[in-house]
Amino acid sequence: MRLPIVTKHYRRLPLLAVVITLLLGGCASYQPRPLTHSVDLAPNVEQLASLGAPGEINPADGLNLTEVAILAVRNNPDLKAQRKRLGVARVQLFSAGLLPDPQLSGNLDHPTGAVPGAMNAFGFGLGYDIIPLINRGARVDSKRQAVHQTNLELLWQEWQVIQQARSLAVRLASQRGQIALLREMHDLYLQRYRRSSIALARGDLTLDVVGTDLSVLLDSMSQINQLEQNSNDTSHALNLLLGLVPEAPLEIRLSPLPPLQDPQTLRREMKGLPQRRPDLLALRAGYRSQEARVRAAILSQFPSVSIGISRARDTGGLYTSGFNIGLNLPLFSANRGAIAIERATREQLREEYQARVDRAAVDVDKLIRLQGIVAAQQQQLDEYLPTLKKLVARGRTAYRQGDIDALTFLNMETTWTKKRQEKISLDQTQRENLIALQTVLAMPGDGMPKQADVSKGDKQ
């Protein structure tokens, strides 16, 4: 006689299956996305230039520092990965704003043994946890600040990549200039050594003169070899920053060095740095995010409350409806461990921010002083180079006529070559110092991104 009751109960199962199917229909599905193992670098600068606005980049006459900066911020592989991190932070903000799902529970009891009048018992309930609603505002605020922090960190990373790319471009141009200078001198030394070797064979010159010419020739070859190695390292590093294959040719065109900034003006710029530099703003946003995490942890120490309703039938056929409350008593933990962790993390972030501000002040002072030191060295060199050039020209004539000895002329010509190299090197140092100043002071410069450029870059 009880079998029809059981059958009637099981007839409700298809309805439950339909409900479960509808719920699962809104779930996301898994789609694999395997890694690629091929190199994803552009074959030449022309292809990179074609991705931008028409006329924005013209590689035909060589890249200036502004064009190098644009290519770096647009195509750098590390920046592309960093922009994906910004997408992750935005998804985390979306997740923090979602309301918690209710909890549905059910049970079915089948009586065993011969019990007159017994029937299947069942019950179901619907519950909801209240605490996620209480601390939701703090959690959302924390993630919102985290998105802002990631946004600013991306901007600072763009500034860093631009500084590195522009510095590498300056360095590459300087190394190529020094190599061209040394090759010019190498050709001159080679011709001289060949003439002196022939003269030695005829008995017109002594061995010390030929030995001097050979020493100068070999020394120039050694310098060229070392500079070619350095230039190879620089060009590969720059190509990678720009998203180019290693073998892609890259021509750099440097404009005249701009006027130097007044040191007092630069020091005044330092005062507003915490309100302007992206990495300091990012640390402040991270600190505000941590403040919200501390607040959320404190809110979570209150007793965890869950409420629900239930409907049940026992084995005797009695139906009941009820209301239930679940309460966790904060007797032992009370979320004190999580609160302590969040507070300690907040103090760590405070010290990190202070350390960054202190480091920025030291960096600015060092760069300002270096600007003055290099400028004084350039002025001294420019004052004496013309005189040295005239002396070397007269010395060559005297050396060919035998009026001065080989060692004297060797020292004179070696000094002339080294001082011209030094002039190129000082120009490189001053340019790189200016680029570094623009970065640490968050000053506008060629190709430096603005705040609005972050969202633009994220879409690329």
Protein backbone atom coordinates (compact mmCIF):
# COMPACT_ATOMS: atom_id res chain seq x y z
CA MET A 1 0.00 0.00 0.00
CA ARG A 2 3.00 2.35 0.55
CA LEU A 3 4.45 1.78 -2.94
CA PRO A 4 2.14 4.34 -4.65
CA ILE A 5 3.31 6.96 -2.15
CA VAL A 6 6.93 6.28 -3.04
CA THR A 7 6.12 6.39 -6.73
CA LYS A 8 4.30 9.67 -6.29
CA HIS A 9 7.31 11.16 -4.52
CA TYR A 10 9.76 10.08 -7.19
CA ARG A 11 7.56 11.70 -9.82
CA ARG A 12 8.79 15.06 -8.48
CA LEU A 13 12.39 14.26 -9.39
CA PRO A 14 12.07 15.28 -13.08
CA LEU A 15 11.02 18.75 -11.94
CA LEU A 16 14.16 18.95 -9.78
CA ALA A 17 16.24 17.77 -12.72
CA VAL A 18 14.78 20.55 -14.88
CA VAL A 19 15.65 23.17 -12.24
CA ILE A 20 19.23 21.87 -11.97
CA THR A 21 19.57 21.86 -15.76
CA LEU A 22 18.44 25.49 -15.98
CA LEU A 23 20.92 26.51 -13.29
CA LEU A 24 23.79 24.73 -15.00
CA GLY A 25 22.85 26.32 -18.31
CA GLY A 26 24.14 29.69 -17.05
CA CYS A 27 27.56 28.31 -16.10
CA ALA A 28 30.70 28.99 -18.08
CA SER A 29 32.20 26.24 -20.19
CA TYR A 30 35.87 25.26 -20.41
CA GLN A 31 37.75 25.97 -23.61
CA PRO A 32 41.46 25.03 -23.75
CA ARG A 33 43.91 27.61 -25.08
CA PRO A 34 47.32 25.99 -25.66
CA LEU A 35 50.55 27.97 -25.63
CA THR A 36 52.28 28.92 -28.87
CA HIS A 37 55.98 28.25 -29.25
CA SER A 38 56.82 30.52 -32.19
CA VAL A 39 58.56 33.91 -31.91
CA ASP A 40 56.10 36.83 -32.03
CA LEU A 41 58.40 39.68 -33.09
CA ALA A 42 58.05 42.01 -36.07
CA PRO A 43 60.49 41.43 -38.97
CA ASN A 44 61.25 45.12 -39.53
CA VAL A 45 60.51 48.65 -38.34
CA GLU A 46 58.28 49.34 -41.34
CA GLN A 47 55.76 46.74 -40.18
CA LEU A 48 55.64 48.27 -36.69
CA ALA A 49 55.22 51.74 -38.17
CA SER A 50 52.30 50.57 -40.31
CA LEU A 51 50.34 49.63 -37.16
CA GLY A 52 50.13 53.26 -36.02
CA ALA A 53 48.56 56.39 -37.43
CA PRO A 54 49.72 57.43 -40.91
CA GLY A 55 52.80 59.64 -40.72
CA GLU A 56 53.27 59.01 -37.01
CA ILE A 57 56.54 57.15 -37.57
CA ASN A 58 58.82 57.53 -40.59
CA PRO A 59 61.66 54.98 -40.43
CA ALA A 60 63.05 56.04 -43.82
CA ASP A 61 65.27 58.76 -42.31
CA GLY A 62 66.04 56.89 -39.10
CA LEU A 63 64.16 56.86 -35.80
CA ASN A 64 64.35 59.82 -33.46
CA LEU A 65 63.84 59.40 -29.72
CA THR A 66 60.14 60.21 -29.90
CA GLU A 67 59.56 57.48 -32.49
CA VAL A 68 61.60 55.03 -30.44
CA ALA A 69 59.42 55.82 -27.41
CA ILE A 70 56.19 55.30 -29.36
CA LEU A 71 57.32 51.95 -30.73
CA ALA A 72 58.50 50.80 -27.31
CA VAL A 73 55.30 51.63 -25.44
CA ARG A 74 53.17 50.10 -28.18
CA ASN A 75 55.03 46.87 -28.96
CA ASN A 76 57.14 45.92 -25.94
CA PRO A 77 56.38 42.25 -25.06
CA ASP A 78 56.59 42.85 -21.31
CA LEU A 79 54.10 45.72 -21.52
CA LYS A 80 51.68 43.52 -23.40
CA ALA A 81 51.76 41.03 -20.51
CA GLN A 82 51.44 43.86 -17.98
CA ARG A 83 48.29 45.12 -19.69
CA LYS A 84 46.74 41.67 -19.24
CA ARG A 85 47.42 42.07 -15.52
CA LEU A 86 45.23 45.18 -15.58
CA GLY A 87 42.47 43.05 -17.10
CA VAL A 88 42.85 40.55 -14.24
CA ALA A 89 42.47 43.35 -11.67
CA ARG A 90 39.29 44.55 -13.35
CA VAL A 91 37.84 41.04 -13.30
CA GLN A 92 38.69 40.79 -9.60
CA LEU A 93 36.76 44.01 -8.99
CA PHE A 94 33.81 42.52 -10.87
CA SER A 95 34.05 39.37 -8.76
CA ALA A 96 34.18 41.33 -5.49
CA GLY A 97 30.95 43.12 -6.38
CA LEU A 98 28.96 39.94 -7.00
CA LEU A 99 26.43 38.99 -4.32
CA PRO A 100 26.93 35.61 -2.62
CA ASP A 101 24.74 32.78 -3.86
CA PRO A 102 22.06 31.24 -1.61
CA GLN A 103 22.55 27.67 -0.40
CA LEU A 104 19.95 25.03 -1.22
CA SER A 105 19.92 21.80 0.80
CA GLY A 106 17.74 18.69 0.65
CA ASN A 107 17.43 15.22 2.08
CA LEU A 108 15.42 12.04 1.56
CA ASP A 109 14.97 9.33 4.22
CA HIS A 110 13.56 5.90 3.41
CA PRO A 111 12.28 3.90 6.41
CA THR A 112 13.54 0.34 6.75
CA GLY A 113 11.78 -2.49 8.48
CA ALA A 114 8.08 -3.28 8.73
CA VAL A 115 6.70 -0.15 10.39
CA PRO A 116 2.97 0.28 9.85
CA GLY A 117 2.06 3.60 8.25
CA ALA A 118 5.66 4.70 7.70
CA MET A 119 6.48 6.61 4.56
CA ASN A 120 9.45 8.30 2.95
CA ALA A 121 10.60 11.44 4.74
CA PHE A 122 12.10 14.40 2.95
CA GLY A 123 13.19 17.92 3.62
CA PHE A 124 14.69 20.90 1.87
CA GLY A 125 15.98 24.27 2.94
CA LEU A 126 17.17 27.57 1.53
CA GLY A 127 19.90 29.51 3.39
CA TYR A 128 21.88 32.69 2.97
CA ASP A 129 25.12 33.94 4.61
CA ILE A 130 24.81 37.56 5.79
CA ILE A 131 28.49 38.44 6.47
CA PRO A 132 29.47 38.83 2.77
CA LEU A 133 26.79 41.52 2.54
CA ILE A 134 28.18 43.35 5.57
CA ASN A 135 31.77 43.58 4.33
CA ARG A 136 30.92 43.82 0.62
CA GLY A 137 31.45 47.59 0.49
CA ALA A 138 34.94 47.31 2.00
CA ARG A 139 35.89 44.45 -0.34
CA VAL A 140 34.70 46.32 -3.43
CA ASP A 141 36.54 49.47 -2.34
CA SER A 142 39.72 47.42 -1.85
CA LYS A 143 39.52 45.94 -5.34
CA ARG A 144 38.64 49.31 -6.86
CA GLN A 145 41.80 50.79 -5.37
CA ALA A 146 43.72 47.72 -6.57
CA VAL A 147 42.56 48.41 -10.14
CA HIS A 148 43.68 52.02 -9.79
CA GLN A 149 47.02 50.82 -8.43
CA THR A 150 47.52 48.40 -11.32
CA ASN A 151 46.57 51.14 -13.76
CA LEU A 152 49.25 53.44 -12.33
CA GLU A 153 51.82 50.64 -12.14
CA LEU A 154 51.23 50.03 -15.84
CA LEU A 155 51.78 53.72 -16.55
CA TRP A 156 55.03 53.68 -14.55
CA GLN A 157 56.13 50.52 -16.35
CA GLU A 158 55.55 52.34 -19.64
CA TRP A 159 57.72 55.22 -18.41
CA GLN A 160 60.45 52.74 -17.45
CA VAL A 161 60.35 51.01 -20.83
CA ILE A 162 60.45 54.35 -22.63
CA GLN A 163 63.43 55.51 -20.56
CA GLN A 164 65.28 52.28 -21.24
CA ALA A 165 64.48 52.33 -24.97
CA ARG A 166 65.55 55.97 -25.39
CA SER A 167 68.72 55.40 -23.35
CA LEU A 168 69.58 52.33 -25.43
CA ALA A 169 68.98 54.32 -28.63
CA VAL A 170 71.33 57.07 -27.41
CA ARG A 171 73.91 54.46 -26.39
CA LEU A 172 73.66 52.68 -29.73
CA ALA A 173 74.14 55.92 -31.66
CA SER A 174 77.12 56.81 -29.46
CA GLN A 175 78.74 53.41 -29.94
CA ARG A 176 78.26 53.58 -33.68
CA GLY A 177 79.77 57.07 -33.71
CA GLN A 178 82.81 55.89 -31.80
CA ILE A 179 83.19 52.87 -34.09
CA ALA A 180 83.06 55.15 -37.17
CA LEU A 181 85.71 57.40 -35.60
CA LEU A 182 88.00 54.50 -34.76
CA ARG A 183 87.58 52.94 -38.20
CA GLU A 184 88.57 56.24 -39.77
CA MET A 185 91.68 56.32 -37.60
CA HIS A 186 92.28 52.61 -38.29
CA ASP A 187 92.40 53.27 -42.04
CA LEU A 188 94.86 56.09 -41.44
CA TYR A 189 97.05 53.92 -39.19
CA LEU A 190 96.93 51.05 -41.69
CA GLN A 191 98.11 53.26 -44.54
CA ARG A 192 100.89 54.66 -42.36
CA TYR A 193 102.03 51.20 -41.25
CA ARG A 194 102.16 49.96 -44.84
CA ARG A 195 104.26 52.96 -45.90
CA SER A 196 106.60 52.61 -42.93
CA SER A 197 107.00 48.86 -43.57
CA ILE A 198 108.05 49.56 -47.15
CA ALA A 199 110.40 52.28 -45.96
CA LEU A 200 111.89 49.90 -43.38
CA ALA A 201 112.53 47.31 -46.10
CA ARG A 202 114.36 50.00 -48.11
CA GLY A 203 116.34 51.05 -45.05
CA ASP A 204 114.81 54.54 -44.96
CA LEU A 205 113.19 54.11 -41.47
CA THR A 206 114.25 52.58 -38.20
CA LEU A 207 112.51 49.69 -36.48
CA ASP A 208 111.15 51.81 -33.61
CA VAL A 209 109.10 53.93 -36.02
CA VAL A 210 107.54 50.89 -37.67
CA GLY A 211 106.90 49.34 -34.26
CA THR A 212 105.12 52.51 -33.15
CA ASP A 213 102.88 52.50 -36.24
CA LEU A 214 102.03 48.83 -35.70
CA SER A 215 101.21 49.41 -32.02
CA VAL A 216 98.80 52.20 -32.86
CA LEU A 217 97.17 50.05 -35.56
CA LEU A 218 96.68 47.08 -33.23
CA ASP A 219 95.36 49.30 -30.45
CA SER A 220 92.71 50.78 -32.75
CA MET A 221 91.67 47.28 -33.84
CA SER A 222 91.25 46.22 -30.18
CA GLN A 223 89.07 49.26 -29.42
CA ILE A 224 86.92 48.62 -32.49
CA ASN A 225 86.46 44.97 -31.52
CA GLN A 226 85.34 45.86 -27.99
CA LEU A 227 82.95 48.54 -29.19
CA GLU A 228 81.44 46.17 -31.76
CA GLN A 229 80.72 43.67 -28.98
CA ASN A 230 79.08 46.38 -26.86
CA SER A 231 77.09 47.64 -29.83
CA ASN A 232 75.87 44.10 -30.52
CA ASP A 233 74.54 43.83 -26.95
CA THR A 234 72.87 47.24 -27.15
CA SER A 235 71.19 46.65 -30.52
CA HIS A 236 69.76 43.29 -29.42
CA ALA A 237 68.41 44.79 -26.19
CA LEU A 238 66.82 47.68 -28.09
CA ASN A 239 65.27 45.43 -30.74
CA LEU A 240 63.68 43.29 -28.03
CA LEU A 241 62.25 46.35 -26.29
CA LEU A 242 60.70 47.49 -29.57
CA GLY A 243 59.34 44.03 -30.41
CA LEU A 244 61.70 43.48 -33.36
CA VAL A 245 63.53 40.35 -34.43
CA PRO A 246 67.27 40.51 -33.57
CA GLU A 247 68.42 40.82 -37.19
CA ALA A 248 66.11 43.75 -38.04
CA PRO A 249 68.20 46.83 -39.01
CA LEU A 250 67.64 49.89 -36.84
CA GLU A 251 68.85 53.40 -37.66
CA ILE A 252 68.87 56.06 -34.93
CA ARG A 253 68.75 59.79 -35.61
CA LEU A 254 69.61 62.06 -32.68
CA SER A 255 68.48 65.68 -32.58
CA PRO A 256 70.70 68.36 -31.02
CA LEU A 257 70.99 68.17 -27.25
CA PRO A 258 68.31 70.45 -25.71
CA PRO A 259 69.27 73.19 -23.22
CA LEU A 260 69.95 71.93 -19.72
CA GLN A 261 67.35 72.50 -17.00
CA ASP A 262 68.09 74.92 -14.18
CA PRO A 263 68.99 72.95 -11.00
CA GLN A 264 66.73 75.09 -8.80
CA THR A 265 63.80 74.48 -11.12
CA LEU A 266 64.45 70.74 -11.00
CA ARG A 267 64.55 70.77 -7.20
CA ARG A 268 61.25 72.64 -7.08
CA GLU A 269 59.75 69.90 -9.27
CA MET A 270 60.74 67.44 -6.56
CA LYS A 271 58.24 68.92 -4.07
CA GLY A 272 55.19 67.86 -6.07
CA LEU A 273 56.55 64.44 -6.98
CA PRO A 274 54.25 62.34 -4.71
CA GLN A 275 51.23 63.86 -6.46
CA ARG A 276 52.64 63.31 -9.95
CA ARG A 277 54.89 60.28 -10.33
CA PRO A 278 52.96 57.13 -11.32
CA ASP A 279 54.80 54.66 -9.07
CA LEU A 280 54.26 56.83 -5.97
CA LEU A 281 50.59 57.26 -6.87
CA ALA A 282 50.36 53.50 -7.35
CA LEU A 283 51.81 52.88 -3.89
CA ARG A 284 49.31 55.30 -2.40
CA ALA A 285 46.47 53.51 -4.17
CA GLY A 286 47.82 50.20 -2.87
CA TYR A 287 47.89 51.63 0.64
CA ARG A 288 44.26 52.74 0.35
CA SER A 289 43.38 49.27 -0.93
CA GLN A 290 45.05 47.75 2.11
CA GLU A 291 43.15 50.14 4.39
CA ALA A 292 39.94 48.76 2.93
CA ARG A 293 41.20 45.21 3.51
CA VAL A 294 41.84 46.04 7.16
CA ARG A 295 38.30 47.41 7.42
CA ALA A 296 36.87 44.30 5.76
CA ALA A 297 38.80 42.04 8.16
CA ILE A 298 37.46 43.98 11.16
CA LEU A 299 33.90 43.74 9.85
CA SER A 300 34.37 39.98 9.39
CA GLN A 301 35.13 39.50 13.11
CA PHE A 302 31.47 39.84 14.00
CA PRO A 303 29.56 36.58 14.41
CA SER A 304 28.92 34.93 11.08
CA VAL A 305 25.17 34.77 10.60
CA SER A 306 23.24 32.68 8.10
CA ILE A 307 19.47 32.59 7.81
CA GLY A 308 17.18 30.20 5.98
CA ILE A 309 13.78 28.60 5.61
CA SER A 310 12.96 24.90 5.52
CA ARG A 311 10.16 22.55 4.54
CA ALA A 312 10.06 18.89 5.63
CA ARG A 313 7.93 15.74 6.06
CA ASP A 314 8.72 13.01 8.53
CA THR A 315 8.12 9.28 8.17
CA GLY A 316 4.72 9.67 9.83
CA GLY A 317 3.45 12.00 7.14
CA LEU A 318 3.65 15.18 9.23
CA TYR A 319 4.63 18.29 7.23
CA THR A 320 6.56 21.12 8.89
CA SER A 321 7.80 24.55 7.81
CA GLY A 322 10.47 26.43 9.68
CA PHE A 323 12.94 29.25 9.94
CA ASN A 324 16.56 28.76 11.03
CA ILE A 325 19.50 30.93 11.99
CA GLY A 326 23.15 29.84 12.08
CA LEU A 327 25.58 31.71 14.29
CA ASN A 328 29.34 31.23 14.69
CA LEU A 329 30.45 32.24 18.19
CA PRO A 330 33.68 34.34 18.14
CA LEU A 331 35.17 32.69 21.22
CA PHE A 332 38.60 31.57 20.02
CA SER A 333 39.55 33.03 16.64
CA ALA A 334 37.26 36.02 16.11
CA ASN A 335 39.22 36.71 12.91
CA ARG A 336 42.04 38.18 15.02
CA GLY A 337 44.69 36.44 12.93
CA ALA A 338 43.40 37.92 9.66
CA ILE A 339 43.14 41.39 11.23
CA ALA A 340 46.73 41.20 12.49
CA ILE A 341 47.97 40.12 9.05
CA GLU A 342 46.17 42.96 7.26
CA ARG A 343 47.43 45.54 9.76
CA ALA A 344 51.02 44.29 9.45
CA THR A 345 50.72 44.42 5.66
CA ARG A 346 49.48 48.01 5.91
CA GLU A 347 52.55 48.99 7.94
CA GLN A 348 54.80 47.29 5.40
CA LEU A 349 53.21 49.30 2.58
CA ARG A 350 53.63 52.51 4.59
CA GLU A 351 57.37 51.87 4.95
CA GLU A 352 57.70 50.91 1.26
CA TYR A 353 56.09 54.19 0.25
CA GLN A 354 58.38 56.21 2.52
CA ALA A 355 61.44 54.36 1.21
CA ARG A 356 60.42 55.11 -2.39
CA VAL A 357 59.97 58.82 -1.62
CA ASP A 358 63.38 58.96 0.07
CA ARG A 359 65.01 57.13 -2.82
CA ALA A 360 63.45 59.53 -5.33
CA ALA A 361 64.92 62.52 -3.49
CA VAL A 362 68.40 60.98 -3.56
CA ASP A 363 68.09 60.02 -7.25
CA VAL A 364 67.02 63.52 -8.25
CA ASP A 365 69.91 65.16 -6.39
CA LYS A 366 72.40 62.72 -7.91
CA LEU A 367 71.18 63.34 -11.45
CA ILE A 368 71.14 67.12 -10.98
CA ARG A 369 74.74 67.06 -9.75
CA LEU A 370 75.78 64.74 -12.59
CA GLN A 371 74.27 67.16 -15.10
CA GLY A 372 76.49 69.94 -13.76
CA ILE A 373 79.61 67.75 -13.66
CA VAL A 374 79.20 66.56 -17.24
CA ALA A 375 78.40 70.07 -18.48
CA ALA A 376 81.64 71.37 -16.95
CA GLN A 377 83.61 68.52 -18.54
CA GLN A 378 82.05 69.21 -21.92
CA GLN A 379 82.92 72.89 -21.66
CA GLN A 380 86.55 72.10 -20.85
CA LEU A 381 86.82 69.64 -23.71
CA ASP A 382 85.23 72.02 -26.23
CA GLU A 383 87.72 74.71 -25.16
CA TYR A 384 90.87 72.67 -25.84
CA LEU A 385 89.85 70.32 -28.67
CA PRO A 386 90.30 72.89 -31.49
CA THR A 387 93.83 73.62 -30.30
CA LEU A 388 94.64 69.93 -30.05
CA LYS A 389 93.32 69.38 -33.57
CA LYS A 390 95.70 72.01 -34.98
CA LEU A 391 98.64 70.53 -33.06
CA VAL A 392 97.94 67.04 -34.37
CA ALA A 393 97.73 68.31 -37.97
CA ARG A 394 101.11 70.02 -37.56
CA GLY A 395 102.50 66.94 -35.80
CA ARG A 396 101.62 64.68 -38.72
CA THR A 397 103.60 66.88 -41.06
CA ALA A 398 106.52 67.01 -38.65
CA TYR A 399 106.39 63.23 -38.15
CA ARG A 400 106.50 62.56 -41.90
CA GLN A 401 109.48 64.91 -42.20
CA GLY A 402 111.28 63.30 -39.25
CA ASP A 403 111.21 66.47 -37.14
CA ILE A 404 109.64 64.72 -34.10
CA ASP A 405 110.19 61.22 -32.80
CA ALA A 406 107.62 58.43 -33.10
CA LEU A 407 106.75 58.24 -29.41
CA THR A 408 105.94 61.94 -29.17
CA PHE A 409 103.68 61.78 -32.20
CA LEU A 410 102.05 58.56 -30.94
CA ASN A 411 101.11 60.21 -27.65
CA MET A 412 99.76 63.26 -29.44
CA GLU A 413 97.60 61.34 -31.90
CA THR A 414 96.38 58.86 -29.27
CA THR A 415 95.25 61.79 -27.10
CA TRP A 416 93.44 63.33 -30.08
CA THR A 417 91.53 60.11 -30.76
CA LYS A 418 90.65 59.50 -27.09
CA LYS A 419 89.43 63.05 -26.57
CA ARG A 420 87.10 62.82 -29.56
CA GLN A 421 85.79 59.55 -28.14
CA GLU A 422 85.37 61.27 -24.80
CA LYS A 423 83.35 64.03 -26.46
CA ILE A 424 80.96 61.44 -27.90
CA SER A 425 80.79 59.64 -24.56
CA LEU A 426 80.04 62.85 -22.63
CA ASP A 427 77.25 63.68 -25.05
CA GLN A 428 75.82 60.20 -24.47
CA THR A 429 76.03 60.60 -20.68
CA GLN A 430 74.31 63.98 -20.76
CA ARG A 431 71.51 62.69 -22.98
CA GLU A 432 70.93 59.62 -20.81
CA ASN A 433 71.03 61.81 -17.69
CA LEU A 434 68.37 64.09 -19.17
CA ILE A 435 66.19 61.08 -19.98
CA ALA A 436 66.61 59.78 -16.43
CA LEU A 437 65.69 63.18 -14.98
CA GLN A 438 62.52 63.31 -17.06
CA THR A 439 61.58 59.89 -15.71
CA VAL A 440 62.34 60.27 -11.99
CA LEU A 441 60.71 63.73 -11.93
CA ALA A 442 57.76 62.60 -14.09
CA MET A 443 58.41 65.51 -16.43
CA PRO A 444 56.95 65.65 -19.94
CA GLY A 445 59.39 64.34 -22.51
CA ASP A 446 59.52 62.96 -26.03
CA GLY A 447 57.08 60.06 -26.22
CA MET A 448 56.32 59.97 -22.50
CA PRO A 449 52.82 58.54 -21.93
CA LYS A 450 50.10 60.42 -20.13
CA GLN A 451 47.48 58.96 -17.80
CA ALA A 452 44.97 58.64 -20.64
CA ASP A 453 47.43 56.56 -22.65
CA VAL A 454 47.06 53.62 -20.28
CA SER A 455 43.52 52.75 -21.31
CA LYS A 456 44.48 53.36 -24.93
CA GLY A 457 47.38 50.96 -24.63
CA ASP A 458 45.18 48.39 -22.93
CA LYS A 459 42.96 48.20 -25.98
CA GLN A 460 45.84 47.57 -28.34
